[in-house]
Amino acid sequence: MMQLGTRWATGSAAPASVPAALRPAITEVEARGLVGHWTLTWLEGRAIAELDAGWEVVQTATGEVVARPFED
């Protein structure tokens, strides 16, 4: 089941609901100069932050955080 989390603009502080583990990777993606809005969702208990400029930051089943271009 997928639950909608929250949404926020690049350059603004991430909401408190964004897991601390994702925050450094989100900062790294934003440092690329990308602008847009992030959407935080949860899939199978794992956080996914998707930037509408084409990137995602995901927490894998092993807990690793990966930032990558979005895959359709």
N, C-alpha and C. Protein backbone atom coordinates (compact mmCIF):
# COMPACT_ATOMS: atom_id res chain seq x y z
N MET A 1 0.84 -1.17 0.00
CA MET A 1 0.00 0.00 0.00
C MET A 1 0.89 1.24 0.00
N MET A 2 0.48 2.25 -0.75
CA MET A 2 1.23 3.49 -0.84
C MET A 2 0.43 4.59 -0.16
N GLN A 3 1.09 5.36 0.72
CA GLN A 3 0.43 6.46 1.40
C GLN A 3 1.09 7.76 0.98
N LEU A 4 0.30 8.78 0.73
CA LEU A 4 0.84 10.07 0.39
C LEU A 4 1.38 10.71 1.66
N GLY A 5 2.57 11.23 1.57
CA GLY A 5 3.19 11.86 2.72
C GLY A 5 2.95 13.36 2.71
N THR A 6 3.84 14.09 2.04
CA THR A 6 3.75 15.54 2.04
C THR A 6 4.47 16.10 0.83
N ARG A 7 4.34 17.39 0.62
CA ARG A 7 4.94 18.05 -0.54
C ARG A 7 5.59 19.35 -0.09
N TRP A 8 6.76 19.69 -0.67
CA TRP A 8 7.43 20.95 -0.34
C TRP A 8 8.30 21.39 -1.50
N ALA A 9 8.61 22.68 -1.55
CA ALA A 9 9.40 23.25 -2.64
C ALA A 9 10.89 23.08 -2.39
N THR A 10 11.66 22.95 -3.47
CA THR A 10 13.11 22.92 -3.34
C THR A 10 13.56 24.23 -2.70
N GLY A 11 14.62 24.14 -1.93
CA GLY A 11 15.16 25.32 -1.28
C GLY A 11 14.51 25.65 0.05
N SER A 12 13.37 25.04 0.34
CA SER A 12 12.74 25.26 1.64
C SER A 12 13.06 24.09 2.56
N ALA A 13 12.85 24.31 3.83
CA ALA A 13 13.14 23.25 4.80
C ALA A 13 12.19 22.07 4.58
N ALA A 14 12.76 20.87 4.62
CA ALA A 14 11.94 19.67 4.49
C ALA A 14 11.05 19.54 5.73
N PRO A 15 9.81 19.12 5.54
CA PRO A 15 8.90 18.93 6.69
C PRO A 15 9.46 17.90 7.67
N ALA A 16 9.00 17.99 8.89
CA ALA A 16 9.45 17.08 9.95
C ALA A 16 9.19 15.62 9.62
N SER A 17 8.21 15.34 8.77
CA SER A 17 7.87 13.95 8.42
C SER A 17 8.90 13.30 7.49
N VAL A 18 9.82 14.08 6.93
CA VAL A 18 10.85 13.53 6.05
C VAL A 18 11.91 12.86 6.93
N PRO A 19 12.16 11.56 6.74
CA PRO A 19 13.12 10.86 7.58
C PRO A 19 14.52 11.49 7.50
N ALA A 20 15.18 11.53 8.64
CA ALA A 20 16.53 12.11 8.72
C ALA A 20 17.49 11.44 7.74
N ALA A 21 17.30 10.16 7.48
CA ALA A 21 18.19 9.43 6.58
C ALA A 21 18.14 9.98 5.16
N LEU A 22 17.02 10.53 4.73
CA LEU A 22 16.87 11.05 3.37
C LEU A 22 17.40 12.46 3.20
N ARG A 23 17.47 13.22 4.26
CA ARG A 23 17.79 14.64 4.17
C ARG A 23 19.12 14.96 3.50
N PRO A 24 20.22 14.27 3.82
CA PRO A 24 21.48 14.59 3.14
C PRO A 24 21.42 14.38 1.62
N ALA A 25 20.76 13.32 1.19
CA ALA A 25 20.65 13.05 -0.25
C ALA A 25 19.76 14.08 -0.93
N ILE A 26 18.71 14.53 -0.26
CA ILE A 26 17.85 15.57 -0.81
C ILE A 26 18.66 16.85 -0.99
N THR A 27 19.47 17.18 -0.01
CA THR A 27 20.33 18.37 -0.09
C THR A 27 21.29 18.25 -1.27
N GLU A 28 21.86 17.06 -1.48
CA GLU A 28 22.79 16.84 -2.60
C GLU A 28 22.09 17.02 -3.94
N VAL A 29 20.88 16.52 -4.07
CA VAL A 29 20.13 16.68 -5.32
C VAL A 29 19.84 18.16 -5.57
N GLU A 30 19.42 18.87 -4.54
CA GLU A 30 19.11 20.29 -4.69
C GLU A 30 20.36 21.09 -5.05
N ALA A 31 21.53 20.63 -4.60
CA ALA A 31 22.79 21.33 -4.90
C ALA A 31 23.11 21.29 -6.40
N ARG A 32 22.45 20.44 -7.14
CA ARG A 32 22.63 20.38 -8.60
C ARG A 32 21.93 21.55 -9.29
N GLY A 33 21.23 22.37 -8.53
CA GLY A 33 20.54 23.52 -9.10
C GLY A 33 19.15 23.20 -9.61
N LEU A 34 18.65 22.02 -9.27
CA LEU A 34 17.31 21.64 -9.71
C LEU A 34 16.26 22.37 -8.89
N VAL A 35 15.18 22.73 -9.55
CA VAL A 35 14.08 23.40 -8.84
C VAL A 35 12.79 22.64 -9.11
N GLY A 36 11.87 22.80 -8.21
CA GLY A 36 10.58 22.14 -8.34
C GLY A 36 10.03 21.83 -6.97
N HIS A 37 9.23 20.79 -6.92
CA HIS A 37 8.60 20.37 -5.67
C HIS A 37 8.90 18.90 -5.40
N TRP A 38 9.16 18.61 -4.15
CA TRP A 38 9.34 17.24 -3.67
C TRP A 38 8.00 16.69 -3.22
N THR A 39 7.81 15.40 -3.42
CA THR A 39 6.66 14.69 -2.88
C THR A 39 7.19 13.49 -2.10
N LEU A 40 6.83 13.42 -0.83
CA LEU A 40 7.23 12.30 0.02
C LEU A 40 6.11 11.29 0.04
N THR A 41 6.43 10.04 -0.30
CA THR A 41 5.45 8.96 -0.21
C THR A 41 6.11 7.79 0.52
N TRP A 42 5.32 6.82 0.83
CA TRP A 42 5.80 5.62 1.52
C TRP A 42 5.34 4.41 0.73
N LEU A 43 6.24 3.49 0.45
CA LEU A 43 5.91 2.26 -0.24
C LEU A 43 6.51 1.11 0.53
N GLU A 44 5.68 0.21 0.97
CA GLU A 44 6.12 -0.94 1.76
C GLU A 44 6.94 -0.50 2.97
N GLY A 45 6.51 0.61 3.57
CA GLY A 45 7.17 1.09 4.78
C GLY A 45 8.45 1.87 4.53
N ARG A 46 8.83 2.07 3.26
CA ARG A 46 10.06 2.80 2.95
C ARG A 46 9.73 4.15 2.35
N ALA A 47 10.50 5.15 2.75
CA ALA A 47 10.28 6.51 2.28
C ALA A 47 10.84 6.70 0.87
N ILE A 48 10.10 7.48 0.07
CA ILE A 48 10.53 7.85 -1.28
C ILE A 48 10.23 9.34 -1.44
N ALA A 49 11.26 10.11 -1.77
CA ALA A 49 11.06 11.54 -2.06
C ALA A 49 11.31 11.72 -3.56
N GLU A 50 10.29 12.19 -4.26
CA GLU A 50 10.40 12.39 -5.71
C GLU A 50 10.37 13.88 -6.01
N LEU A 51 11.36 14.33 -6.77
CA LEU A 51 11.42 15.71 -7.22
C LEU A 51 10.84 15.77 -8.62
N ASP A 52 9.89 16.66 -8.85
CA ASP A 52 9.24 16.69 -10.16
C ASP A 52 10.16 17.13 -11.28
N ALA A 53 11.40 17.49 -10.96
CA ALA A 53 12.40 17.80 -11.98
C ALA A 53 13.10 16.53 -12.48
N GLY A 54 12.65 15.36 -12.00
CA GLY A 54 13.15 14.10 -12.54
C GLY A 54 14.09 13.30 -11.67
N TRP A 55 14.13 13.56 -10.37
CA TRP A 55 15.00 12.81 -9.47
C TRP A 55 14.18 12.19 -8.35
N GLU A 56 14.73 11.14 -7.77
CA GLU A 56 14.12 10.53 -6.60
C GLU A 56 15.20 10.16 -5.60
N VAL A 57 14.83 10.19 -4.34
CA VAL A 57 15.68 9.75 -3.25
C VAL A 57 14.89 8.65 -2.56
N VAL A 58 15.46 7.45 -2.56
CA VAL A 58 14.74 6.29 -2.02
C VAL A 58 15.55 5.61 -0.94
N GLN A 59 14.84 5.01 -0.01
CA GLN A 59 15.47 4.19 1.01
C GLN A 59 15.19 2.74 0.64
N THR A 60 16.25 1.98 0.39
CA THR A 60 16.09 0.60 -0.05
C THR A 60 15.69 -0.30 1.13
N ALA A 61 15.38 -1.53 0.82
CA ALA A 61 14.98 -2.49 1.86
C ALA A 61 16.09 -2.71 2.88
N THR A 62 17.35 -2.49 2.47
CA THR A 62 18.47 -2.67 3.40
C THR A 62 18.77 -1.40 4.20
N GLY A 63 18.03 -0.32 3.91
CA GLY A 63 18.23 0.93 4.62
C GLY A 63 19.14 1.92 3.91
N GLU A 64 19.75 1.49 2.81
CA GLU A 64 20.62 2.38 2.04
C GLU A 64 19.77 3.47 1.38
N VAL A 65 20.32 4.67 1.33
CA VAL A 65 19.63 5.79 0.67
C VAL A 65 20.30 6.04 -0.67
N VAL A 66 19.49 6.08 -1.73
CA VAL A 66 20.00 6.24 -3.08
C VAL A 66 19.31 7.43 -3.74
N ALA A 67 20.10 8.32 -4.35
CA ALA A 67 19.55 9.42 -5.15
C ALA A 67 19.85 9.10 -6.61
N ARG A 68 18.81 9.17 -7.45
CA ARG A 68 18.98 8.79 -8.85
C ARG A 68 17.94 9.49 -9.71
N PRO A 69 18.22 9.57 -11.02
CA PRO A 69 17.19 10.08 -11.90
C PRO A 69 15.95 9.20 -11.81
N PHE A 70 14.81 9.81 -11.89
CA PHE A 70 13.54 9.09 -11.75
C PHE A 70 13.36 8.08 -12.87
N GLU A 71 12.90 6.90 -12.51
CA GLU A 71 12.60 5.85 -13.47
C GLU A 71 11.11 5.67 -13.55
N ASP A 72 10.55 5.77 -14.77
CA ASP A 72 9.10 5.59 -14.94
C ASP A 72 8.68 4.17 -14.66
